[in-house]
Amino acid sequence: MAGKPKASKAKRSSVLFKMVSSAGTGFFYLARRNPKQKQEKMVFSKYDPVVRKHVEFKEQKMSS
């Protein structure tokens, strides 16, 4: 079973982070971004099912 060695996969450069609701409900979305291409923090207007309306979601680091 001697064959060619397998090529190693490239490491993913994007990071996982939480988009936390600004309504203070504790609801969050998970998102991914490449920090080499986009350095500033992301802000989106998305739906929060707890308050049942669209609110601003801001980027926050994942707690390990």
PDB file of N, CA and C in Angstrom:
ATOM      1  N   MET A   1       0.809  -1.196   0.000  1.00  0.00           N
ATOM      2  CA  MET A   1       0.000   0.000   0.000  1.00  0.00           C
ATOM      3  C   MET A   1       0.851   1.260   0.000  1.00  0.00           C
ATOM      4  N   ALA A   2       2.068   1.149  -0.488  1.00  0.00           N
ATOM      5  CA  ALA A   2       2.929   2.327  -0.567  1.00  0.00           C
ATOM      6  C   ALA A   2       2.482   3.188  -1.729  1.00  0.00           C
ATOM      7  N   GLY A   3       2.178   4.438  -1.447  1.00  0.00           N
ATOM      8  CA  GLY A   3       1.715   5.357  -2.483  1.00  0.00           C
ATOM      9  C   GLY A   3       2.262   6.740  -2.227  1.00  0.00           C
ATOM     10  N   LYS A   4       1.712   7.680  -2.900  1.00  0.00           N
ATOM     11  CA  LYS A   4       2.149   9.061  -2.708  1.00  0.00           C
ATOM     12  C   LYS A   4       1.660   9.578  -1.363  1.00  0.00           C
ATOM     13  N   PRO A   5       2.441  10.405  -0.712  1.00  0.00           N
ATOM     14  CA  PRO A   5       1.938  11.021   0.529  1.00  0.00           C
ATOM     15  C   PRO A   5       0.839  12.018   0.186  1.00  0.00           C
ATOM     16  N   LYS A   6      -0.157  12.097   1.053  1.00  0.00           N
ATOM     17  CA  LYS A   6      -1.278  13.009   0.815  1.00  0.00           C
ATOM     18  C   LYS A   6      -0.837  14.451   1.035  1.00  0.00           C
ATOM     19  N   ALA A   7      -1.332  15.328   0.189  1.00  0.00           N
ATOM     20  CA  ALA A   7      -1.031  16.754   0.325  1.00  0.00           C
ATOM     21  C   ALA A   7      -1.813  17.319   1.506  1.00  0.00           C
ATOM     22  N   SER A   8      -1.186  18.194   2.278  1.00  0.00           N
ATOM     23  CA  SER A   8      -1.877  18.777   3.419  1.00  0.00           C
ATOM     24  C   SER A   8      -2.859  19.839   2.944  1.00  0.00           C
ATOM     25  N   LYS A   9      -3.963  19.966   3.658  1.00  0.00           N
ATOM     26  CA  LYS A   9      -4.977  20.958   3.306  1.00  0.00           C
ATOM     27  C   LYS A   9      -4.546  22.326   3.815  1.00  0.00           C
ATOM     28  N   ALA A  10      -4.974  23.343   3.116  1.00  0.00           N
ATOM     29  CA  ALA A  10      -4.675  24.709   3.545  1.00  0.00           C
ATOM     30  C   ALA A  10      -5.529  25.043   4.763  1.00  0.00           C
ATOM     31  N   LYS A  11      -4.960  25.744   5.721  1.00  0.00           N
ATOM     32  CA  LYS A  11      -5.686  26.133   6.918  1.00  0.00           C
ATOM     33  C   LYS A  11      -6.661  27.256   6.582  1.00  0.00           C
ATOM     34  N   ARG A  12      -7.865  27.163   7.104  1.00  0.00           N
ATOM     35  CA  ARG A  12      -8.886  28.180   6.853  1.00  0.00           C
ATOM     36  C   ARG A  12      -8.480  29.473   7.550  1.00  0.00           C
ATOM     37  N   SER A  13      -8.503  30.573   6.794  1.00  0.00           N
ATOM     38  CA  SER A  13      -8.044  31.847   7.356  1.00  0.00           C
ATOM     39  C   SER A  13      -9.169  32.642   8.014  1.00  0.00           C
ATOM     40  N   SER A  14     -10.424  32.218   7.848  1.00  0.00           N
ATOM     41  CA  SER A  14     -11.524  32.967   8.436  1.00  0.00           C
ATOM     42  C   SER A  14     -11.730  32.575   9.901  1.00  0.00           C
ATOM     43  N   VAL A  15     -12.305  33.501  10.664  1.00  0.00           N
ATOM     44  CA  VAL A  15     -12.552  33.269  12.089  1.00  0.00           C
ATOM     45  C   VAL A  15     -14.051  33.272  12.351  1.00  0.00           C
ATOM     46  N   LEU A  16     -14.474  32.512  13.336  1.00  0.00           N
ATOM     47  CA  LEU A  16     -15.874  32.429  13.728  1.00  0.00           C
ATOM     48  C   LEU A  16     -16.125  33.433  14.848  1.00  0.00           C
ATOM     49  N   PHE A  17     -17.263  34.136  14.775  1.00  0.00           N
ATOM     50  CA  PHE A  17     -17.607  35.095  15.820  1.00  0.00           C
ATOM     51  C   PHE A  17     -19.112  35.147  15.986  1.00  0.00           C
ATOM     52  N   LYS A  18     -19.555  35.790  17.072  1.00  0.00           N
ATOM     53  CA  LYS A  18     -20.985  35.926  17.358  1.00  0.00           C
ATOM     54  C   LYS A  18     -21.462  37.302  16.930  1.00  0.00           C
ATOM     55  N   MET A  19     -22.688  37.342  16.386  1.00  0.00           N
ATOM     56  CA  MET A  19     -23.384  38.601  16.115  1.00  0.00           C
ATOM     57  C   MET A  19     -24.461  38.697  17.189  1.00  0.00           C
ATOM     58  N   VAL A  20     -24.258  39.577  18.189  1.00  0.00           N
ATOM     59  CA  VAL A  20     -25.129  39.663  19.353  1.00  0.00           C
ATOM     60  C   VAL A  20     -26.153  40.780  19.165  1.00  0.00           C
ATOM     61  N   SER A  21     -27.392  40.514  19.561  1.00  0.00           N
ATOM     62  CA  SER A  21     -28.481  41.470  19.420  1.00  0.00           C
ATOM     63  C   SER A  21     -28.262  42.688  20.308  1.00  0.00           C
ATOM     64  N   SER A  22     -28.499  43.873  19.751  1.00  0.00           N
ATOM     65  CA  SER A  22     -28.372  45.103  20.530  1.00  0.00           C
ATOM     66  C   SER A  22     -29.615  45.355  21.388  1.00  0.00           C
ATOM     67  N   ALA A  23     -30.658  44.526  21.234  1.00  0.00           N
ATOM     68  CA  ALA A  23     -31.871  44.668  22.045  1.00  0.00           C
ATOM     69  C   ALA A  23     -31.671  44.122  23.456  1.00  0.00           C
ATOM     70  N   GLY A  24     -30.551  43.444  23.701  1.00  0.00           N
ATOM     71  CA  GLY A  24     -30.253  42.934  25.040  1.00  0.00           C
ATOM     72  C   GLY A  24     -30.972  41.638  25.372  1.00  0.00           C
ATOM     73  N   THR A  25     -31.428  40.906  24.363  1.00  0.00           N
ATOM     74  CA  THR A  25     -32.157  39.659  24.605  1.00  0.00           C
ATOM     75  C   THR A  25     -31.223  38.468  24.800  1.00  0.00           C
ATOM     76  N   GLY A  26     -29.965  38.596  24.394  1.00  0.00           N
ATOM     77  CA  GLY A  26     -29.032  37.481  24.483  1.00  0.00           C
ATOM     78  C   GLY A  26     -29.051  36.601  23.247  1.00  0.00           C
ATOM     79  N   PHE A  27     -29.929  36.904  22.283  1.00  0.00           N
ATOM     80  CA  PHE A  27     -29.997  36.128  21.049  1.00  0.00           C
ATOM     81  C   PHE A  27     -28.799  36.486  20.178  1.00  0.00           C
ATOM     82  N   PHE A  28     -28.223  35.489  19.481  1.00  0.00           N
ATOM     83  CA  PHE A  28     -27.073  35.750  18.617  1.00  0.00           C
ATOM     84  C   PHE A  28     -27.089  34.842  17.399  1.00  0.00           C
ATOM     85  N   TYR A  29     -26.422  35.296  16.362  1.00  0.00           N
ATOM     86  CA  TYR A  29     -26.147  34.516  15.163  1.00  0.00           C
ATOM     87  C   TYR A  29     -24.657  34.223  15.151  1.00  0.00           C
ATOM     88  N   LEU A  30     -24.251  33.123  14.517  1.00  0.00           N
ATOM     89  CA  LEU A  30     -22.838  32.845  14.307  1.00  0.00           C
ATOM     90  C   LEU A  30     -22.486  33.262  12.890  1.00  0.00           C
ATOM     91  N   ALA A  31     -21.316  33.844  12.719  1.00  0.00           N
ATOM     92  CA  ALA A  31     -20.877  34.292  11.403  1.00  0.00           C
ATOM     93  C   ALA A  31     -19.383  34.043  11.261  1.00  0.00           C
ATOM     94  N   ARG A  32     -18.894  34.183  10.062  1.00  0.00           N
ATOM     95  CA  ARG A  32     -17.489  33.934   9.762  1.00  0.00           C
ATOM     96  C   ARG A  32     -16.984  35.065   8.869  1.00  0.00           C
ATOM     97  N   ARG A  33     -15.749  35.510   9.112  1.00  0.00           N
ATOM     98  CA  ARG A  33     -15.142  36.519   8.242  1.00  0.00           C
ATOM     99  C   ARG A  33     -13.633  36.324   8.191  1.00  0.00           C
ATOM    100  N   ASN A  34     -13.044  36.833   7.131  1.00  0.00           N
ATOM    101  CA  ASN A  34     -11.606  36.760   6.947  1.00  0.00           C
ATOM    102  C   ASN A  34     -10.988  38.057   7.474  1.00  0.00           C
ATOM    103  N   PRO A  35     -10.256  38.004   8.586  1.00  0.00           N
ATOM    104  CA  PRO A  35      -9.705  39.230   9.174  1.00  0.00           C
ATOM    105  C   PRO A  35      -8.620  39.888   8.312  1.00  0.00           C
ATOM    106  N   LYS A  36      -8.036  39.147   7.373  1.00  0.00           N
ATOM    107  CA  LYS A  36      -7.021  39.735   6.493  1.00  0.00           C
ATOM    108  C   LYS A  36      -7.665  40.668   5.474  1.00  0.00           C
ATOM    109  N   GLN A  37      -8.912  40.392   5.094  1.00  0.00           N
ATOM    110  CA  GLN A  37      -9.592  41.204   4.094  1.00  0.00           C
ATOM    111  C   GLN A  37     -10.430  42.315   4.723  1.00  0.00           C
ATOM    112  N   LYS A  38     -10.995  42.073   5.907  1.00  0.00           N
ATOM    113  CA  LYS A  38     -11.893  43.044   6.523  1.00  0.00           C
ATOM    114  C   LYS A  38     -11.532  43.168   8.002  1.00  0.00           C
ATOM    115  N   GLN A  39     -10.939  44.304   8.405  1.00  0.00           N
ATOM    116  CA  GLN A  39     -10.469  44.472   9.776  1.00  0.00           C
ATOM    117  C   GLN A  39     -11.528  45.056  10.707  1.00  0.00           C
ATOM    118  N   GLU A  40     -12.428  45.904  10.194  1.00  0.00           N
ATOM    119  CA  GLU A  40     -13.395  46.560  11.075  1.00  0.00           C
ATOM    120  C   GLU A  40     -14.483  45.584  11.525  1.00  0.00           C
ATOM    121  N   LYS A  41     -15.096  45.893  12.656  1.00  0.00           N
ATOM    122  CA  LYS A  41     -16.153  45.030  13.198  1.00  0.00           C
ATOM    123  C   LYS A  41     -17.403  45.135  12.352  1.00  0.00           C
ATOM    124  N   MET A  42     -18.124  44.022  12.234  1.00  0.00           N
ATOM    125  CA  MET A  42     -19.309  43.978  11.392  1.00  0.00           C
ATOM    126  C   MET A  42     -20.560  44.339  12.200  1.00  0.00           C
ATOM    127  N   VAL A  43     -21.504  45.009  11.540  1.00  0.00           N
ATOM    128  CA  VAL A  43     -22.789  45.371  12.134  1.00  0.00           C
ATOM    129  C   VAL A  43     -23.862  45.087  11.083  1.00  0.00           C
ATOM    130  N   PHE A  44     -24.889  44.316  11.467  1.00  0.00           N
ATOM    131  CA  PHE A  44     -25.972  43.970  10.554  1.00  0.00           C
ATOM    132  C   PHE A  44     -27.315  44.267  11.197  1.00  0.00           C
ATOM    133  N   SER A  45     -28.316  44.515  10.385  1.00  0.00           N
ATOM    134  CA  SER A  45     -29.690  44.604  10.859  1.00  0.00           C
ATOM    135  C   SER A  45     -30.341  43.269  10.524  1.00  0.00           C
ATOM    136  N   LYS A  46     -30.655  42.480  11.542  1.00  0.00           N
ATOM    137  CA  LYS A  46     -31.228  41.152  11.344  1.00  0.00           C
ATOM    138  C   LYS A  46     -32.426  40.962  12.280  1.00  0.00           C
ATOM    139  N   TYR A  47     -33.139  39.878  12.068  1.00  0.00           N
ATOM    140  CA  TYR A  47     -34.352  39.599  12.833  1.00  0.00           C
ATOM    141  C   TYR A  47     -34.011  38.971  14.184  1.00  0.00           C
ATOM    142  N   ASP A  48     -34.566  39.515  15.256  1.00  0.00           N
ATOM    143  CA  ASP A  48     -34.440  38.942  16.597  1.00  0.00           C
ATOM    144  C   ASP A  48     -35.794  38.341  16.966  1.00  0.00           C
ATOM    145  N   PRO A  49     -35.904  37.016  17.034  1.00  0.00           N
ATOM    146  CA  PRO A  49     -37.192  36.382  17.310  1.00  0.00           C
ATOM    147  C   PRO A  49     -37.704  36.610  18.729  1.00  0.00           C
ATOM    148  N   VAL A  50     -36.841  37.002  19.651  1.00  0.00           N
ATOM    149  CA  VAL A  50     -37.271  37.225  21.030  1.00  0.00           C
ATOM    150  C   VAL A  50     -38.145  38.475  21.107  1.00  0.00           C
ATOM    151  N   VAL A  51     -37.712  39.557  20.457  1.00  0.00           N
ATOM    152  CA  VAL A  51     -38.501  40.790  20.451  1.00  0.00           C
ATOM    153  C   VAL A  51     -39.381  40.893  19.205  1.00  0.00           C
ATOM    154  N   ARG A  52     -39.244  39.956  18.310  1.00  0.00           N
ATOM    155  CA  ARG A  52     -40.024  39.838  17.074  1.00  0.00           C
ATOM    156  C   ARG A  52     -39.955  41.086  16.192  1.00  0.00           C
ATOM    157  N   LYS A  53     -38.726  41.577  16.012  1.00  0.00           N
ATOM    158  CA  LYS A  53     -38.498  42.692  15.082  1.00  0.00           C
ATOM    159  C   LYS A  53     -37.038  42.695  14.643  1.00  0.00           C
ATOM    160  N   HIS A  54     -36.741  43.480  13.622  1.00  0.00           N
ATOM    161  CA  HIS A  54     -35.371  43.624  13.152  1.00  0.00           C
ATOM    162  C   HIS A  54     -34.635  44.603  14.064  1.00  0.00           C
ATOM    163  N   VAL A  55     -33.463  44.204  14.532  1.00  0.00           N
ATOM    164  CA  VAL A  55     -32.617  45.063  15.366  1.00  0.00           C
ATOM    165  C   VAL A  55     -31.190  44.967  14.851  1.00  0.00           C
ATOM    166  N   GLU A  56     -30.321  45.810  15.372  1.00  0.00           N
ATOM    167  CA  GLU A  56     -28.920  45.810  14.976  1.00  0.00           C
ATOM    168  C   GLU A  56     -28.177  44.711  15.725  1.00  0.00           C
ATOM    169  N   PHE A  57     -27.373  43.953  15.003  1.00  0.00           N
ATOM    170  CA  PHE A  57     -26.526  42.913  15.589  1.00  0.00           C
ATOM    171  C   PHE A  57     -25.077  43.334  15.419  1.00  0.00           C
ATOM    172  N   LYS A  58     -24.290  43.279  16.523  1.00  0.00           N
ATOM    173  CA  LYS A  58     -22.905  43.711  16.482  1.00  0.00           C
ATOM    174  C   LYS A  58     -21.987  42.529  16.733  1.00  0.00           C
ATOM    175  N   GLU A  59     -20.809  42.616  16.150  1.00  0.00           N
ATOM    176  CA  GLU A  59     -19.820  41.543  16.274  1.00  0.00           C
ATOM    177  C   GLU A  59     -19.258  41.476  17.692  1.00  0.00           C
ATOM    178  N   GLN A  60     -19.073  40.248  18.191  1.00  0.00           N
ATOM    179  CA  GLN A  60     -18.482  40.016  19.506  1.00  0.00           C
ATOM    180  C   GLN A  60     -17.647  38.747  19.425  1.00  0.00           C
ATOM    181  N   LYS A  61     -16.517  38.711  20.125  1.00  0.00           N
ATOM    182  CA  LYS A  61     -15.653  37.528  20.095  1.00  0.00           C
ATOM    183  C   LYS A  61     -16.343  36.342  20.737  1.00  0.00           C
ATOM    184  N   MET A  62     -15.995  35.144  20.264  1.00  0.00           N
ATOM    185  CA  MET A  62     -16.496  33.906  20.864  1.00  0.00           C
ATOM    186  C   MET A  62     -15.741  33.684  22.168  1.00  0.00           C
ATOM    187  N   SER A  63     -16.430  33.300  23.217  1.00  0.00           N
ATOM    188  CA  SER A  63     -15.762  33.000  24.487  1.00  0.00           C
ATOM    189  C   SER A  63     -15.328  31.549  24.468  1.00  0.00           C
ATOM    190  N   SER A  64     -14.064  31.305  24.772  1.00  0.00           N
ATOM    191  CA  SER A  64     -13.530  29.938  24.711  1.00  0.00           C
ATOM    192  C   SER A  64     -13.487  29.282  26.050  1.00  0.00           C
TER     193      SER A  64
END
